[in-house]
Amino acid sequence: MRVDRWLCAARIFKSRTQATEACSGGRVRLNGGRIKPHHPVRVGDEVLVQKARALRMLEVSALAEKRLSATQARELYQDHSPPPPPREEPVARRERGAGRPTKRDLRKLRKLRGQG
């Protein structure tokens, strides 16, 4: 089975196009090596997927041709990923119900963020 089809069926990516682009872009590795979208995947293979926020380390435990429901898709792999890093708190927060920021407020925010 093709690795891009498996990634879509396992709901790692929302579409097969995204899975294909990730494989072509080098963000998916199979057993430690870079692969192309048409590379075959087998039960027992280790798949590393670099997503925007985290690295996912998956072990293939079953194959599926078509996209499955979320509960069935979780049975296609075992997740050995490290926990994601904690999210950073925003620099400045506005009081709830304070309304839209004025030009003066926006200038202060830009200065605080170092953007001007």
C-alpha atoms as a PDB file:
ATOM      1  CA  MET A   1       0.000   0.000   0.000  1.00  0.00           C
ATOM      2  CA  ARG A   2       1.228   3.523  -0.803  1.00  0.00           C
ATOM      3  CA  VAL A   3       2.389   5.595   2.155  1.00  0.00           C
ATOM      4  CA  ASP A   4       0.406   8.690   1.127  1.00  0.00           C
ATOM      5  CA  ARG A   5      -2.834   6.667   1.016  1.00  0.00           C
ATOM      6  CA  TRP A   6      -2.088   5.156   4.427  1.00  0.00           C
ATOM      7  CA  LEU A   7      -1.379   8.574   5.964  1.00  0.00           C
ATOM      8  CA  CYS A   8      -4.733   9.815   4.695  1.00  0.00           C
ATOM      9  CA  ALA A   9      -6.603   6.680   5.831  1.00  0.00           C
ATOM     10  CA  ALA A  10      -5.014   6.949   9.303  1.00  0.00           C
ATOM     11  CA  ARG A  11      -6.108  10.614   9.499  1.00  0.00           C
ATOM     12  CA  ILE A  12      -2.584  11.932   9.968  1.00  0.00           C
ATOM     13  CA  PHE A  13      -3.335  14.406   7.161  1.00  0.00           C
ATOM     14  CA  LYS A  14      -6.742  15.778   6.175  1.00  0.00           C
ATOM     15  CA  SER A  15      -6.346  14.907   2.509  1.00  0.00           C
ATOM     16  CA  ARG A  16      -4.256  12.686   0.305  1.00  0.00           C
ATOM     17  CA  THR A  17      -2.927  15.788  -1.457  1.00  0.00           C
ATOM     18  CA  GLN A  18      -1.492  17.075   1.843  1.00  0.00           C
ATOM     19  CA  ALA A  19       0.039  13.664   2.541  1.00  0.00           C
ATOM     20  CA  THR A  20       1.603  13.589  -0.939  1.00  0.00           C
ATOM     21  CA  GLU A  21       3.050  17.088  -0.513  1.00  0.00           C
ATOM     22  CA  ALA A  22       4.472  16.168   2.901  1.00  0.00           C
ATOM     23  CA  CYS A  23       6.169  13.071   1.468  1.00  0.00           C
ATOM     24  CA  SER A  24       7.556  15.011  -1.494  1.00  0.00           C
ATOM     25  CA  GLY A  25       8.731  17.813   0.795  1.00  0.00           C
ATOM     26  CA  GLY A  26      10.739  15.487   3.038  1.00  0.00           C
ATOM     27  CA  ARG A  27       8.529  15.844   6.116  1.00  0.00           C
ATOM     28  CA  VAL A  28       7.719  12.109   6.192  1.00  0.00           C
ATOM     29  CA  ARG A  29      10.336   9.438   6.863  1.00  0.00           C
ATOM     30  CA  LEU A  30       9.866   5.689   6.736  1.00  0.00           C
ATOM     31  CA  ASN A  31      12.266   3.568   8.825  1.00  0.00           C
ATOM     32  CA  GLY A  32      14.643   6.547   9.020  1.00  0.00           C
ATOM     33  CA  GLY A  33      14.866   7.275   5.285  1.00  0.00           C
ATOM     34  CA  ARG A  34      13.279   9.912   3.080  1.00  0.00           C
ATOM     35  CA  ILE A  35      10.542   8.571   0.856  1.00  0.00           C
ATOM     36  CA  LYS A  36       8.354   9.462  -2.085  1.00  0.00           C
ATOM     37  CA  PRO A  37       4.544   9.313  -1.940  1.00  0.00           C
ATOM     38  CA  HIS A  38       4.371   6.028  -3.868  1.00  0.00           C
ATOM     39  CA  HIS A  39       6.693   4.162  -1.490  1.00  0.00           C
ATOM     40  CA  PRO A  40       5.063   1.007  -0.062  1.00  0.00           C
ATOM     41  CA  VAL A  41       4.320   0.812   3.651  1.00  0.00           C
ATOM     42  CA  ARG A  42       4.038  -2.475   5.579  1.00  0.00           C
ATOM     43  CA  VAL A  43       2.881  -3.536   9.018  1.00  0.00           C
ATOM     44  CA  GLY A  44       5.705  -2.945  11.521  1.00  0.00           C
ATOM     45  CA  ASP A  45       7.239   0.038   9.694  1.00  0.00           C
ATOM     46  CA  GLU A  46       8.127   3.188  11.646  1.00  0.00           C
ATOM     47  CA  VAL A  47       6.796   6.426  10.198  1.00  0.00           C
ATOM     48  CA  LEU A  48       8.090   9.838  11.330  1.00  0.00           C
ATOM     49  CA  VAL A  49       5.874  12.780  10.390  1.00  0.00           C
ATOM     50  CA  GLN A  50       7.049  16.360  10.997  1.00  0.00           C
ATOM     51  CA  LYS A  51       3.984  18.550  11.406  1.00  0.00           C
ATOM     52  CA  ALA A  52       3.824  22.272  12.159  1.00  0.00           C
ATOM     53  CA  ARG A  53       3.979  21.961  15.950  1.00  0.00           C
ATOM     54  CA  ALA A  54       5.282  18.491  16.715  1.00  0.00           C
ATOM     55  CA  LEU A  55       7.040  15.362  15.515  1.00  0.00           C
ATOM     56  CA  ARG A  56       4.815  12.263  15.328  1.00  0.00           C
ATOM     57  CA  MET A  57       6.452   8.864  15.669  1.00  0.00           C
ATOM     58  CA  LEU A  58       4.101   6.122  14.489  1.00  0.00           C
ATOM     59  CA  GLU A  59       4.395   2.361  14.161  1.00  0.00           C
ATOM     60  CA  VAL A  60       2.164   0.829  11.486  1.00  0.00           C
ATOM     61  CA  SER A  61      -0.053  -1.872  13.003  1.00  0.00           C
ATOM     62  CA  ALA A  62      -2.634  -2.278  10.192  1.00  0.00           C
ATOM     63  CA  LEU A  63      -3.315  -1.129   6.645  1.00  0.00           C
ATOM     64  CA  ALA A  64      -6.436   0.452   5.148  1.00  0.00           C
ATOM     65  CA  GLU A  65      -7.175   1.553   1.602  1.00  0.00           C
ATOM     66  CA  LYS A  66      -9.875   4.128   2.369  1.00  0.00           C
ATOM     67  CA  ARG A  67     -10.246   6.873   4.952  1.00  0.00           C
ATOM     68  CA  LEU A  68     -11.754   5.487   8.148  1.00  0.00           C
ATOM     69  CA  SER A  69     -13.600   6.966  11.096  1.00  0.00           C
ATOM     70  CA  ALA A  70     -11.436   8.490  13.812  1.00  0.00           C
ATOM     71  CA  THR A  71     -11.795   5.545  16.195  1.00  0.00           C
ATOM     72  CA  GLN A  72     -10.962   3.002  13.485  1.00  0.00           C
ATOM     73  CA  ALA A  73      -8.072   5.137  12.196  1.00  0.00           C
ATOM     74  CA  ARG A  74      -6.387   5.091  15.630  1.00  0.00           C
ATOM     75  CA  GLU A  75      -6.190   1.293  15.348  1.00  0.00           C
ATOM     76  CA  LEU A  76      -3.983   1.562  12.239  1.00  0.00           C
ATOM     77  CA  TYR A  77      -0.965   2.772  14.219  1.00  0.00           C
ATOM     78  CA  GLN A  78       0.674   2.937  17.617  1.00  0.00           C
ATOM     79  CA  ASP A  79       1.746   6.434  18.586  1.00  0.00           C
ATOM     80  CA  HIS A  80       5.209   6.682  20.175  1.00  0.00           C
ATOM     81  CA  SER A  81       5.397  10.491  19.920  1.00  0.00           C
ATOM     82  CA  PRO A  82       6.879  12.599  22.716  1.00  0.00           C
ATOM     83  CA  PRO A  83       4.416  14.974  24.404  1.00  0.00           C
ATOM     84  CA  PRO A  84       4.029  18.300  22.587  1.00  0.00           C
ATOM     85  CA  PRO A  85       5.856  21.332  23.980  1.00  0.00           C
ATOM     86  CA  PRO A  86       3.751  23.675  26.114  1.00  0.00           C
ATOM     87  CA  ARG A  87       2.160  26.578  24.293  1.00  0.00           C
ATOM     88  CA  GLU A  88       3.563  30.017  24.876  1.00  0.00           C
ATOM     89  CA  GLU A  89       1.343  32.604  26.515  1.00  0.00           C
ATOM     90  CA  PRO A  90       0.650  35.705  24.432  1.00  0.00           C
ATOM     91  CA  VAL A  91       2.728  38.763  25.301  1.00  0.00           C
ATOM     92  CA  ALA A  92      -0.181  41.099  25.909  1.00  0.00           C
ATOM     93  CA  ARG A  93      -3.823  40.348  26.665  1.00  0.00           C
ATOM     94  CA  ARG A  94      -6.730  42.746  26.467  1.00  0.00           C
ATOM     95  CA  GLU A  95      -9.428  42.778  29.072  1.00  0.00           C
ATOM     96  CA  ARG A  96     -12.544  40.968  27.943  1.00  0.00           C
ATOM     97  CA  GLY A  97     -15.206  43.454  26.873  1.00  0.00           C
ATOM     98  CA  ALA A  98     -12.717  46.319  26.473  1.00  0.00           C
ATOM     99  CA  GLY A  99     -13.784  46.891  22.846  1.00  0.00           C
ATOM    100  CA  ARG A 100     -11.607  47.362  19.813  1.00  0.00           C
ATOM    101  CA  PRO A 101      -8.061  48.622  20.355  1.00  0.00           C
ATOM    102  CA  THR A 102      -7.452  52.267  19.498  1.00  0.00           C
ATOM    103  CA  LYS A 103      -4.593  53.433  17.277  1.00  0.00           C
ATOM    104  CA  ARG A 104      -2.650  54.298  20.408  1.00  0.00           C
ATOM    105  CA  ASP A 105      -3.207  50.782  21.801  1.00  0.00           C
ATOM    106  CA  LEU A 106      -2.068  49.218  18.533  1.00  0.00           C
ATOM    107  CA  ARG A 107       1.122  51.318  18.509  1.00  0.00           C
ATOM    108  CA  LYS A 108       1.890  50.194  22.065  1.00  0.00           C
ATOM    109  CA  LEU A 109       1.301  46.551  21.132  1.00  0.00           C
ATOM    110  CA  ARG A 110       3.594  46.807  18.093  1.00  0.00           C
ATOM    111  CA  LYS A 111       6.284  48.443  20.209  1.00  0.00           C
ATOM    112  CA  LEU A 112       5.934  45.761  22.883  1.00  0.00           C
ATOM    113  CA  ARG A 113       6.227  42.981  20.292  1.00  0.00           C
ATOM    114  CA  GLY A 114       9.247  44.644  18.675  1.00  0.00           C
ATOM    115  CA  GLN A 115       7.575  45.234  15.328  1.00  0.00           C
ATOM    116  CA  GLY A 116       8.058  48.934  15.067  1.00  0.00           C
END
